Amino acid sequence: MSKVILNIGHGGKTKDPGACAFGLEEHAWNKEFVETILQPKLKEKGIEYITVIQDTFPLLFSKINRVASSKDIILSFHLNAADASAHGSEFLYYQRSEKSKKLASLLDKNVVEAVGLRDRGIKPKTLADRGGSLLVRTISPCVILEPAFISNKEDIETLTEKREAYADAIIKSIEEYFEG
């Protein structure tokens, strides 16, 4: 099996916390999730991974490309934010990448089933879109995971309660992607 590049969104040298609500910070939530829940499960399953935290966003894709190959996949961990009524899970991919679309579809199916939040679907993105440079300029299939809205108290509480199931759904998606 190829390796999985885990990108924890935001953070880096600028200490960008990402979206913030209810005393939570997007970067901190994802960093804790990836390091304490997802990485041990990946290790247990024998799935090779490399974690990349951005220094500055404009240089992130080149930092990832230094450790990735075209056979790998990239998962970029984020949390959505909008007004308090917005809710659900969505997964962003580069519109011209069939491999990224396949990975986004698997994540959407498995994460929505495991976590139980509204299915906002997979969203094709271009270079001009927010997050587009990461999706377009990386050499591996890449998906930005937006499993919940940090700005919706019920969403983030549900995701936090179901972190183990969220990690299991990600692993299931990785395995299904590499099997097919």
N, C-alpha and C. Protein backbone atom coordinates (compact mmCIF):
# COMPACT_ATOMS: atom_id res chain seq x y z
N MET A 1 0.85 -1.18 0.00
CA MET A 1 0.00 0.00 0.00
C MET A 1 0.89 1.24 0.00
N SER A 2 0.46 2.24 -0.69
CA SER A 2 1.16 3.51 -0.71
C SER A 2 0.96 4.21 0.62
N LYS A 3 1.54 5.38 0.76
CA LYS A 3 1.41 6.09 2.04
C LYS A 3 0.34 7.18 1.97
N VAL A 4 -0.05 7.61 3.15
CA VAL A 4 -1.06 8.64 3.31
C VAL A 4 -0.38 9.86 3.90
N ILE A 5 -0.53 10.98 3.23
CA ILE A 5 -0.01 12.24 3.74
C ILE A 5 -1.14 12.90 4.53
N LEU A 6 -0.90 13.14 5.80
CA LEU A 6 -1.89 13.76 6.68
C LEU A 6 -1.50 15.23 6.84
N ASN A 7 -2.32 16.12 6.35
CA ASN A 7 -2.07 17.56 6.49
C ASN A 7 -3.07 18.12 7.50
N ILE A 8 -2.55 18.64 8.59
CA ILE A 8 -3.40 19.30 9.57
C ILE A 8 -3.49 20.76 9.18
N GLY A 9 -4.66 21.18 8.76
CA GLY A 9 -4.84 22.53 8.23
C GLY A 9 -4.56 23.62 9.25
N HIS A 10 -4.10 24.76 8.72
CA HIS A 10 -3.80 25.96 9.50
C HIS A 10 -2.58 25.73 10.38
N GLY A 11 -2.43 26.49 11.46
CA GLY A 11 -1.27 26.34 12.33
C GLY A 11 -0.03 26.93 11.71
N GLY A 12 1.07 26.20 11.77
CA GLY A 12 2.32 26.62 11.16
C GLY A 12 2.98 27.80 11.86
N LYS A 13 3.91 28.41 11.15
CA LYS A 13 4.69 29.52 11.70
C LYS A 13 3.82 30.72 12.07
N THR A 14 2.73 30.90 11.34
CA THR A 14 1.86 32.04 11.61
C THR A 14 0.90 31.77 12.76
N LYS A 15 0.90 30.53 13.23
CA LYS A 15 0.02 30.11 14.33
C LYS A 15 -1.45 30.43 14.04
N ASP A 16 -1.84 30.25 12.79
CA ASP A 16 -3.22 30.47 12.36
C ASP A 16 -4.11 29.40 12.97
N PRO A 17 -5.06 29.75 13.84
CA PRO A 17 -5.89 28.74 14.48
C PRO A 17 -6.99 28.19 13.58
N GLY A 18 -7.20 28.81 12.42
CA GLY A 18 -8.33 28.43 11.58
C GLY A 18 -9.61 28.97 12.18
N ALA A 19 -10.72 28.35 11.87
CA ALA A 19 -12.01 28.80 12.40
C ALA A 19 -12.08 28.54 13.90
N CYS A 20 -12.75 29.42 14.61
CA CYS A 20 -12.87 29.30 16.07
C CYS A 20 -14.32 29.51 16.47
N ALA A 21 -14.79 28.68 17.39
CA ALA A 21 -16.14 28.82 17.95
C ALA A 21 -16.25 27.94 19.18
N PHE A 22 -17.07 28.38 20.14
CA PHE A 22 -17.36 27.59 21.34
C PHE A 22 -16.10 27.19 22.10
N GLY A 23 -15.10 28.06 22.08
CA GLY A 23 -13.85 27.79 22.79
C GLY A 23 -12.94 26.80 22.08
N LEU A 24 -13.26 26.44 20.85
CA LEU A 24 -12.46 25.49 20.07
C LEU A 24 -11.76 26.20 18.92
N GLU A 25 -10.60 25.68 18.54
CA GLU A 25 -9.86 26.16 17.38
C GLU A 25 -9.72 25.02 16.39
N GLU A 26 -9.96 25.31 15.13
CA GLU A 26 -9.91 24.30 14.07
C GLU A 26 -8.58 23.54 14.06
N HIS A 27 -7.46 24.26 14.04
CA HIS A 27 -6.16 23.60 13.97
C HIS A 27 -5.94 22.71 15.19
N ALA A 28 -6.22 23.22 16.37
CA ALA A 28 -6.00 22.45 17.60
C ALA A 28 -6.88 21.20 17.64
N TRP A 29 -8.15 21.33 17.24
CA TRP A 29 -9.04 20.18 17.25
C TRP A 29 -8.50 19.08 16.32
N ASN A 30 -8.12 19.48 15.11
CA ASN A 30 -7.63 18.49 14.14
C ASN A 30 -6.28 17.91 14.54
N LYS A 31 -5.41 18.73 15.10
CA LYS A 31 -4.10 18.24 15.53
C LYS A 31 -4.27 17.16 16.61
N GLU A 32 -5.12 17.43 17.58
CA GLU A 32 -5.37 16.44 18.63
C GLU A 32 -5.99 15.17 18.03
N PHE A 33 -6.98 15.33 17.15
CA PHE A 33 -7.62 14.17 16.52
C PHE A 33 -6.61 13.33 15.75
N VAL A 34 -5.83 13.97 14.90
CA VAL A 34 -4.88 13.23 14.06
C VAL A 34 -3.82 12.54 14.92
N GLU A 35 -3.26 13.27 15.88
CA GLU A 35 -2.15 12.71 16.65
C GLU A 35 -2.58 11.67 17.69
N THR A 36 -3.73 11.85 18.32
CA THR A 36 -4.09 10.94 19.41
C THR A 36 -5.05 9.83 19.01
N ILE A 37 -5.79 10.02 17.93
CA ILE A 37 -6.77 9.01 17.53
C ILE A 37 -6.43 8.37 16.19
N LEU A 38 -6.24 9.19 15.15
CA LEU A 38 -6.04 8.64 13.81
C LEU A 38 -4.69 7.96 13.64
N GLN A 39 -3.61 8.61 14.03
CA GLN A 39 -2.28 8.03 13.83
C GLN A 39 -2.11 6.67 14.51
N PRO A 40 -2.53 6.51 15.78
CA PRO A 40 -2.41 5.17 16.39
C PRO A 40 -3.21 4.10 15.64
N LYS A 41 -4.38 4.47 15.13
CA LYS A 41 -5.19 3.50 14.37
C LYS A 41 -4.51 3.15 13.04
N LEU A 42 -3.92 4.13 12.38
CA LEU A 42 -3.20 3.87 11.13
C LEU A 42 -2.02 2.94 11.40
N LYS A 43 -1.29 3.24 12.47
CA LYS A 43 -0.13 2.41 12.83
C LYS A 43 -0.56 0.98 13.11
N GLU A 44 -1.64 0.82 13.86
CA GLU A 44 -2.17 -0.51 14.19
C GLU A 44 -2.55 -1.29 12.94
N LYS A 45 -3.07 -0.59 11.93
CA LYS A 45 -3.47 -1.23 10.67
C LYS A 45 -2.29 -1.43 9.71
N GLY A 46 -1.12 -0.89 10.05
CA GLY A 46 0.04 -1.01 9.18
C GLY A 46 0.00 -0.07 7.99
N ILE A 47 -0.75 1.01 8.10
CA ILE A 47 -0.84 1.99 7.02
C ILE A 47 0.23 3.05 7.24
N GLU A 48 1.13 3.17 6.27
CA GLU A 48 2.22 4.15 6.37
C GLU A 48 1.66 5.56 6.18
N TYR A 49 2.12 6.48 7.01
CA TYR A 49 1.66 7.86 6.90
C TYR A 49 2.80 8.82 7.22
N ILE A 50 2.64 10.03 6.74
CA ILE A 50 3.53 11.14 7.06
C ILE A 50 2.63 12.32 7.39
N THR A 51 2.90 13.00 8.49
CA THR A 51 2.11 14.17 8.86
C THR A 51 2.86 15.42 8.44
N VAL A 52 2.15 16.32 7.76
CA VAL A 52 2.74 17.58 7.31
C VAL A 52 1.88 18.72 7.85
N ILE A 53 2.53 19.60 8.60
CA ILE A 53 1.85 20.80 9.08
C ILE A 53 2.42 21.98 8.30
N GLN A 54 1.54 22.84 7.83
CA GLN A 54 1.99 23.93 6.98
C GLN A 54 2.83 24.94 7.75
N ASP A 55 3.82 25.51 7.06
CA ASP A 55 4.55 26.66 7.58
C ASP A 55 3.77 27.91 7.17
N THR A 56 3.59 28.04 5.87
CA THR A 56 2.72 29.08 5.32
C THR A 56 1.93 28.42 4.21
N PHE A 57 0.68 28.82 4.05
CA PHE A 57 -0.17 28.14 3.07
C PHE A 57 0.38 28.18 1.65
N PRO A 58 0.90 29.31 1.16
CA PRO A 58 1.38 29.30 -0.23
C PRO A 58 2.47 28.27 -0.52
N LEU A 59 3.19 27.82 0.51
CA LEU A 59 4.27 26.85 0.30
C LEU A 59 3.87 25.42 0.67
N LEU A 60 2.65 25.24 1.14
CA LEU A 60 2.23 23.93 1.62
C LEU A 60 2.31 22.85 0.55
N PHE A 61 1.82 23.14 -0.66
CA PHE A 61 1.81 22.09 -1.69
C PHE A 61 3.22 21.64 -2.03
N SER A 62 4.20 22.56 -2.04
CA SER A 62 5.57 22.14 -2.35
C SER A 62 6.17 21.33 -1.20
N LYS A 63 5.82 21.66 0.04
CA LYS A 63 6.28 20.88 1.20
C LYS A 63 5.73 19.46 1.12
N ILE A 64 4.46 19.32 0.77
CA ILE A 64 3.85 17.99 0.63
C ILE A 64 4.48 17.23 -0.53
N ASN A 65 4.68 17.90 -1.65
CA ASN A 65 5.24 17.24 -2.84
C ASN A 65 6.65 16.69 -2.60
N ARG A 66 7.37 17.25 -1.63
CA ARG A 66 8.71 16.73 -1.31
C ARG A 66 8.66 15.36 -0.66
N VAL A 67 7.53 15.01 -0.02
CA VAL A 67 7.44 13.71 0.68
C VAL A 67 6.45 12.75 0.03
N ALA A 68 5.74 13.21 -0.99
CA ALA A 68 4.69 12.40 -1.62
C ALA A 68 5.12 11.89 -2.99
N SER A 69 4.40 10.87 -3.44
CA SER A 69 4.54 10.39 -4.81
C SER A 69 3.15 10.32 -5.42
N SER A 70 3.09 10.09 -6.70
CA SER A 70 1.79 10.03 -7.39
C SER A 70 0.96 8.83 -6.94
N LYS A 71 1.59 7.86 -6.26
CA LYS A 71 0.87 6.68 -5.77
C LYS A 71 0.25 6.89 -4.39
N ASP A 72 0.60 7.99 -3.74
CA ASP A 72 0.11 8.27 -2.40
C ASP A 72 -1.22 9.02 -2.46
N ILE A 73 -1.79 9.28 -1.29
CA ILE A 73 -2.97 10.15 -1.19
C ILE A 73 -2.72 11.18 -0.10
N ILE A 74 -3.41 12.30 -0.21
CA ILE A 74 -3.28 13.40 0.74
C ILE A 74 -4.65 13.68 1.34
N LEU A 75 -4.70 13.72 2.67
CA LEU A 75 -5.90 14.10 3.39
C LEU A 75 -5.59 15.37 4.16
N SER A 76 -6.32 16.44 3.89
CA SER A 76 -6.12 17.72 4.55
C SER A 76 -7.29 17.95 5.51
N PHE A 77 -6.97 18.02 6.80
CA PHE A 77 -8.00 18.05 7.85
C PHE A 77 -8.39 19.48 8.21
N HIS A 78 -9.69 19.74 8.10
CA HIS A 78 -10.25 21.06 8.38
C HIS A 78 -11.59 20.90 9.09
N LEU A 79 -12.16 22.01 9.49
CA LEU A 79 -13.53 22.08 9.98
C LEU A 79 -14.16 23.28 9.31
N ASN A 80 -15.38 23.15 8.87
CA ASN A 80 -16.08 24.23 8.19
C ASN A 80 -16.54 25.29 9.18
N ALA A 81 -16.86 26.47 8.67
CA ALA A 81 -17.42 27.54 9.49
C ALA A 81 -18.31 28.42 8.62
N ALA A 82 -19.41 28.82 9.21
CA ALA A 82 -20.36 29.73 8.55
C ALA A 82 -21.27 30.26 9.66
N ASP A 83 -22.49 30.59 9.33
CA ASP A 83 -23.40 30.97 10.41
C ASP A 83 -23.83 29.70 11.16
N ALA A 84 -24.44 29.89 12.30
CA ALA A 84 -24.76 28.78 13.19
C ALA A 84 -25.76 27.78 12.60
N SER A 85 -26.47 28.15 11.55
CA SER A 85 -27.45 27.23 10.97
C SER A 85 -26.83 26.26 9.96
N ALA A 86 -25.61 26.57 9.47
CA ALA A 86 -24.95 25.69 8.49
C ALA A 86 -24.47 24.43 9.21
N HIS A 87 -24.68 23.27 8.59
CA HIS A 87 -24.26 22.03 9.22
C HIS A 87 -24.04 20.94 8.19
N GLY A 88 -23.28 19.93 8.60
CA GLY A 88 -23.05 18.77 7.75
C GLY A 88 -21.60 18.56 7.37
N SER A 89 -21.40 17.49 6.62
CA SER A 89 -20.07 17.06 6.17
C SER A 89 -19.93 17.26 4.68
N GLU A 90 -18.74 17.73 4.25
CA GLU A 90 -18.45 17.82 2.82
C GLU A 90 -16.96 17.58 2.59
N PHE A 91 -16.65 17.20 1.36
CA PHE A 91 -15.29 16.81 1.00
C PHE A 91 -14.95 17.46 -0.33
N LEU A 92 -13.83 18.18 -0.35
CA LEU A 92 -13.44 18.98 -1.51
C LEU A 92 -12.33 18.27 -2.29
N TYR A 93 -12.44 18.33 -3.62
CA TYR A 93 -11.44 17.69 -4.48
C TYR A 93 -11.25 18.53 -5.74
N TYR A 94 -10.14 18.30 -6.45
CA TYR A 94 -9.87 19.01 -7.70
C TYR A 94 -10.77 18.45 -8.79
N GLN A 95 -11.49 19.33 -9.44
CA GLN A 95 -12.52 18.92 -10.42
C GLN A 95 -12.01 18.07 -11.57
N ARG A 96 -10.74 18.15 -11.89
CA ARG A 96 -10.21 17.37 -13.02
C ARG A 96 -9.50 16.09 -12.60
N SER A 97 -9.55 15.76 -11.32
CA SER A 97 -8.86 14.56 -10.83
C SER A 97 -9.88 13.48 -10.49
N GLU A 98 -9.94 12.47 -11.34
CA GLU A 98 -10.85 11.35 -11.08
C GLU A 98 -10.44 10.57 -9.83
N LYS A 99 -9.15 10.47 -9.58
CA LYS A 99 -8.68 9.76 -8.38
C LYS A 99 -9.09 10.52 -7.11
N SER A 100 -8.95 11.84 -7.14
CA SER A 100 -9.37 12.64 -5.99
C SER A 100 -10.88 12.56 -5.80
N LYS A 101 -11.61 12.55 -6.89
CA LYS A 101 -13.07 12.43 -6.82
C LYS A 101 -13.46 11.09 -6.19
N LYS A 102 -12.78 10.03 -6.60
CA LYS A 102 -13.05 8.70 -6.04
C LYS A 102 -12.78 8.70 -4.54
N LEU A 103 -11.66 9.26 -4.12
CA LEU A 103 -11.32 9.32 -2.70
C LEU A 103 -12.34 10.17 -1.93
N ALA A 104 -12.73 11.30 -2.49
CA ALA A 104 -13.72 12.17 -1.84
C ALA A 104 -15.05 11.43 -1.69
N SER A 105 -15.44 10.68 -2.70
CA SER A 105 -16.70 9.92 -2.65
C SER A 105 -16.67 8.86 -1.56
N LEU A 106 -15.56 8.17 -1.44
CA LEU A 106 -15.43 7.15 -0.39
C LEU A 106 -15.48 7.78 1.00
N LEU A 107 -14.76 8.88 1.18
CA LEU A 107 -14.78 9.58 2.46
C LEU A 107 -16.18 10.07 2.78
N ASP A 108 -16.85 10.64 1.80
CA ASP A 108 -18.21 11.15 2.01
C ASP A 108 -19.13 10.02 2.48
N LYS A 109 -19.11 8.93 1.76
CA LYS A 109 -19.98 7.79 2.09
C LYS A 109 -19.69 7.26 3.50
N ASN A 110 -18.43 7.00 3.78
CA ASN A 110 -18.06 6.36 5.04
C ASN A 110 -18.16 7.29 6.25
N VAL A 111 -17.74 8.54 6.09
CA VAL A 111 -17.79 9.48 7.22
C VAL A 111 -19.22 9.85 7.55
N VAL A 112 -20.03 10.12 6.54
CA VAL A 112 -21.44 10.47 6.79
C VAL A 112 -22.15 9.31 7.49
N GLU A 113 -21.89 8.10 7.03
CA GLU A 113 -22.50 6.93 7.66
C GLU A 113 -22.04 6.78 9.12
N ALA A 114 -20.76 7.01 9.38
CA ALA A 114 -20.21 6.80 10.72
C ALA A 114 -20.57 7.91 11.70
N VAL A 115 -20.57 9.14 11.23
CA VAL A 115 -20.77 10.28 12.13
C VAL A 115 -22.23 10.70 12.18
N GLY A 116 -22.93 10.55 11.06
CA GLY A 116 -24.36 10.81 11.05
C GLY A 116 -24.78 12.25 10.84
N LEU A 117 -23.85 13.09 10.39
CA LEU A 117 -24.23 14.47 10.08
C LEU A 117 -24.79 14.56 8.65
N ARG A 118 -25.47 15.64 8.37
CA ARG A 118 -26.06 15.88 7.06
C ARG A 118 -24.99 15.73 5.96
N ASP A 119 -25.35 15.07 4.88
CA ASP A 119 -24.45 14.86 3.76
C ASP A 119 -24.52 16.05 2.81
N ARG A 120 -23.49 16.89 2.85
CA ARG A 120 -23.40 18.04 1.95
C ARG A 120 -22.71 17.64 0.64
N GLY A 121 -22.21 16.41 0.59
CA GLY A 121 -21.66 15.86 -0.63
C GLY A 121 -20.20 16.19 -0.88
N ILE A 122 -19.76 15.81 -2.07
CA ILE A 122 -18.41 16.12 -2.52
C ILE A 122 -18.50 17.37 -3.38
N LYS A 123 -17.47 18.20 -3.29
CA LYS A 123 -17.49 19.50 -3.97
C LYS A 123 -16.27 19.64 -4.87
N PRO A 124 -16.48 19.73 -6.18
CA PRO A 124 -15.35 19.94 -7.08
C PRO A 124 -14.83 21.37 -6.97
N LYS A 125 -13.52 21.54 -6.97
CA LYS A 125 -12.90 22.85 -6.83
C LYS A 125 -11.90 23.09 -7.96
N THR A 126 -11.65 24.35 -8.22
CA THR A 126 -10.66 24.77 -9.22
C THR A 126 -9.51 25.47 -8.51
N LEU A 127 -8.50 25.83 -9.24
CA LEU A 127 -7.36 26.56 -8.68
C LEU A 127 -7.80 27.87 -8.04
N ALA A 128 -8.80 28.51 -8.61
CA ALA A 128 -9.26 29.81 -8.11
C ALA A 128 -10.05 29.72 -6.81
N ASP A 129 -10.52 28.53 -6.46
CA ASP A 129 -11.33 28.36 -5.25
C ASP A 129 -10.46 28.32 -3.99
N ARG A 130 -11.10 28.61 -2.85
CA ARG A 130 -10.42 28.50 -1.56
C ARG A 130 -9.92 27.06 -1.40
N GLY A 131 -8.64 26.90 -1.09
CA GLY A 131 -8.05 25.57 -0.97
C GLY A 131 -7.61 24.98 -2.30
N GLY A 132 -7.91 25.68 -3.39
CA GLY A 132 -7.63 25.15 -4.73
C GLY A 132 -6.17 24.87 -5.01
N SER A 133 -5.27 25.71 -4.52
CA SER A 133 -3.86 25.48 -4.83
C SER A 133 -3.36 24.17 -4.23
N LEU A 134 -3.84 23.80 -3.06
CA LEU A 134 -3.46 22.51 -2.47
C LEU A 134 -4.02 21.36 -3.31
N LEU A 135 -5.28 21.45 -3.68
CA LEU A 135 -5.92 20.39 -4.45
C LEU A 135 -5.33 20.23 -5.85
N VAL A 136 -4.96 21.33 -6.47
CA VAL A 136 -4.48 21.31 -7.86
C VAL A 136 -2.99 21.04 -7.96
N ARG A 137 -2.20 21.61 -7.06
CA ARG A 137 -0.75 21.61 -7.23
C ARG A 137 -0.02 20.46 -6.53
N THR A 138 -0.74 19.62 -5.81
CA THR A 138 -0.07 18.46 -5.21
C THR A 138 -0.02 17.34 -6.24
N ILE A 139 1.01 16.50 -6.12
CA ILE A 139 1.21 15.44 -7.12
C ILE A 139 0.40 14.19 -6.83
N SER A 140 -0.20 14.12 -5.66
CA SER A 140 -1.01 12.96 -5.27
C SER A 140 -2.47 13.36 -5.23
N PRO A 141 -3.38 12.40 -5.38
CA PRO A 141 -4.80 12.70 -5.16
C PRO A 141 -4.98 13.30 -3.77
N CYS A 142 -5.75 14.37 -3.70
CA CYS A 142 -5.88 15.14 -2.47
C CYS A 142 -7.34 15.47 -2.20
N VAL A 143 -7.73 15.36 -0.93
CA VAL A 143 -9.09 15.74 -0.52
C VAL A 143 -8.98 16.59 0.75
N ILE A 144 -9.75 17.67 0.77
CA ILE A 144 -9.90 18.48 1.97
C ILE A 144 -11.14 17.97 2.69
N LEU A 145 -10.95 17.51 3.92
CA LEU A 145 -12.05 16.97 4.72
C LEU A 145 -12.65 18.10 5.55
N GLU A 146 -13.95 18.30 5.42
CA GLU A 146 -14.72 19.26 6.20
C GLU A 146 -15.87 18.47 6.84
N PRO A 147 -15.58 17.67 7.89
CA PRO A 147 -16.57 16.73 8.41
C PRO A 147 -17.69 17.35 9.22
N ALA A 148 -17.50 18.60 9.67
CA ALA A 148 -18.51 19.27 10.50
C ALA A 148 -18.25 20.76 10.49
N PHE A 149 -19.25 21.50 10.94
CA PHE A 149 -19.10 22.95 11.11
C PHE A 149 -18.74 23.24 12.56
N ILE A 150 -17.58 23.83 12.76
CA ILE A 150 -17.17 24.22 14.11
C ILE A 150 -18.09 25.33 14.63
N SER A 151 -18.74 26.03 13.71
CA SER A 151 -19.63 27.14 14.07
C SER A 151 -21.05 26.67 14.41
N ASN A 152 -21.29 25.37 14.32
CA ASN A 152 -22.59 24.80 14.69
C ASN A 152 -22.35 23.88 15.89
N LYS A 153 -22.87 24.27 17.04
CA LYS A 153 -22.59 23.56 18.29
C LYS A 153 -22.96 22.07 18.21
N GLU A 154 -24.10 21.75 17.63
CA GLU A 154 -24.50 20.34 17.52
C GLU A 154 -23.54 19.56 16.62
N ASP A 155 -23.13 20.17 15.50
CA ASP A 155 -22.20 19.51 14.59
C ASP A 155 -20.90 19.14 15.29
N ILE A 156 -20.27 20.14 15.91
CA ILE A 156 -18.95 19.89 16.49
C ILE A 156 -19.05 18.97 17.71
N GLU A 157 -20.14 19.05 18.45
CA GLU A 157 -20.32 18.12 19.58
C GLU A 157 -20.50 16.69 19.08
N THR A 158 -21.27 16.52 18.01
CA THR A 158 -21.46 15.18 17.43
C THR A 158 -20.14 14.62 16.92
N LEU A 159 -19.39 15.43 16.18
CA LEU A 159 -18.10 14.96 15.65
C LEU A 159 -17.14 14.62 16.79
N THR A 160 -17.11 15.44 17.81
CA THR A 160 -16.23 15.18 18.95
C THR A 160 -16.61 13.88 19.66
N GLU A 161 -17.90 13.66 19.85
CA GLU A 161 -18.36 12.41 20.47
C GLU A 161 -18.04 11.19 19.62
N LYS A 162 -18.00 11.38 18.31
CA LYS A 162 -17.81 10.25 17.38
C LYS A 162 -16.43 10.26 16.72
N ARG A 163 -15.43 10.79 17.43
CA ARG A 163 -14.08 10.86 16.85
C ARG A 163 -13.53 9.49 16.49
N GLU A 164 -13.78 8.49 17.31
CA GLU A 164 -13.29 7.13 17.02
C GLU A 164 -13.94 6.61 15.73
N ALA A 165 -15.24 6.80 15.60
CA ALA A 165 -15.96 6.37 14.40
C ALA A 165 -15.49 7.15 13.18
N TYR A 166 -15.20 8.44 13.36
CA TYR A 166 -14.67 9.27 12.27
C TYR A 166 -13.34 8.70 11.80
N ALA A 167 -12.44 8.38 12.73
CA ALA A 167 -11.14 7.81 12.37
C ALA A 167 -11.32 6.47 11.65
N ASP A 168 -12.20 5.63 12.16
CA ASP A 168 -12.45 4.34 11.52
C ASP A 168 -12.98 4.51 10.09
N ALA A 169 -13.83 5.50 9.89
CA ALA A 169 -14.38 5.77 8.55
C ALA A 169 -13.29 6.25 7.60
N ILE A 170 -12.36 7.03 8.09
CA ILE A 170 -11.24 7.48 7.27
C ILE A 170 -10.39 6.29 6.87
N ILE A 171 -10.10 5.41 7.82
CA ILE A 171 -9.29 4.23 7.52
C ILE A 171 -10.00 3.32 6.53
N LYS A 172 -11.29 3.13 6.72
CA LYS A 172 -12.06 2.32 5.78
C LYS A 172 -11.98 2.92 4.37
N SER A 173 -12.06 4.22 4.27
CA SER A 173 -11.98 4.90 2.97
C SER A 173 -10.60 4.71 2.34
N ILE A 174 -9.55 4.83 3.13
CA ILE A 174 -8.19 4.63 2.64
C ILE A 174 -8.04 3.21 2.10
N GLU A 175 -8.48 2.24 2.88
CA GLU A 175 -8.37 0.83 2.45
C GLU A 175 -9.16 0.58 1.17
N GLU A 176 -10.39 1.09 1.10
CA GLU A 176 -11.20 0.91 -0.10
C GLU A 176 -10.58 1.58 -1.31
N TYR A 177 -9.99 2.74 -1.10
CA TYR A 177 -9.34 3.46 -2.21
C TYR A 177 -8.19 2.63 -2.78
N PHE A 178 -7.31 2.14 -1.91
CA PHE A 178 -6.16 1.38 -2.38
C PHE A 178 -6.50 -0.02 -2.88
N GLU A 179 -7.63 -0.58 -2.42
CA GLU A 179 -8.06 -1.89 -2.92
C GLU A 179 -8.63 -1.79 -4.33
N GLY A 180 -9.26 -0.67 -4.63
CA GLY A 180 -9.95 -0.55 -5.92
C GLY A 180 -9.17 0.22 -6.90
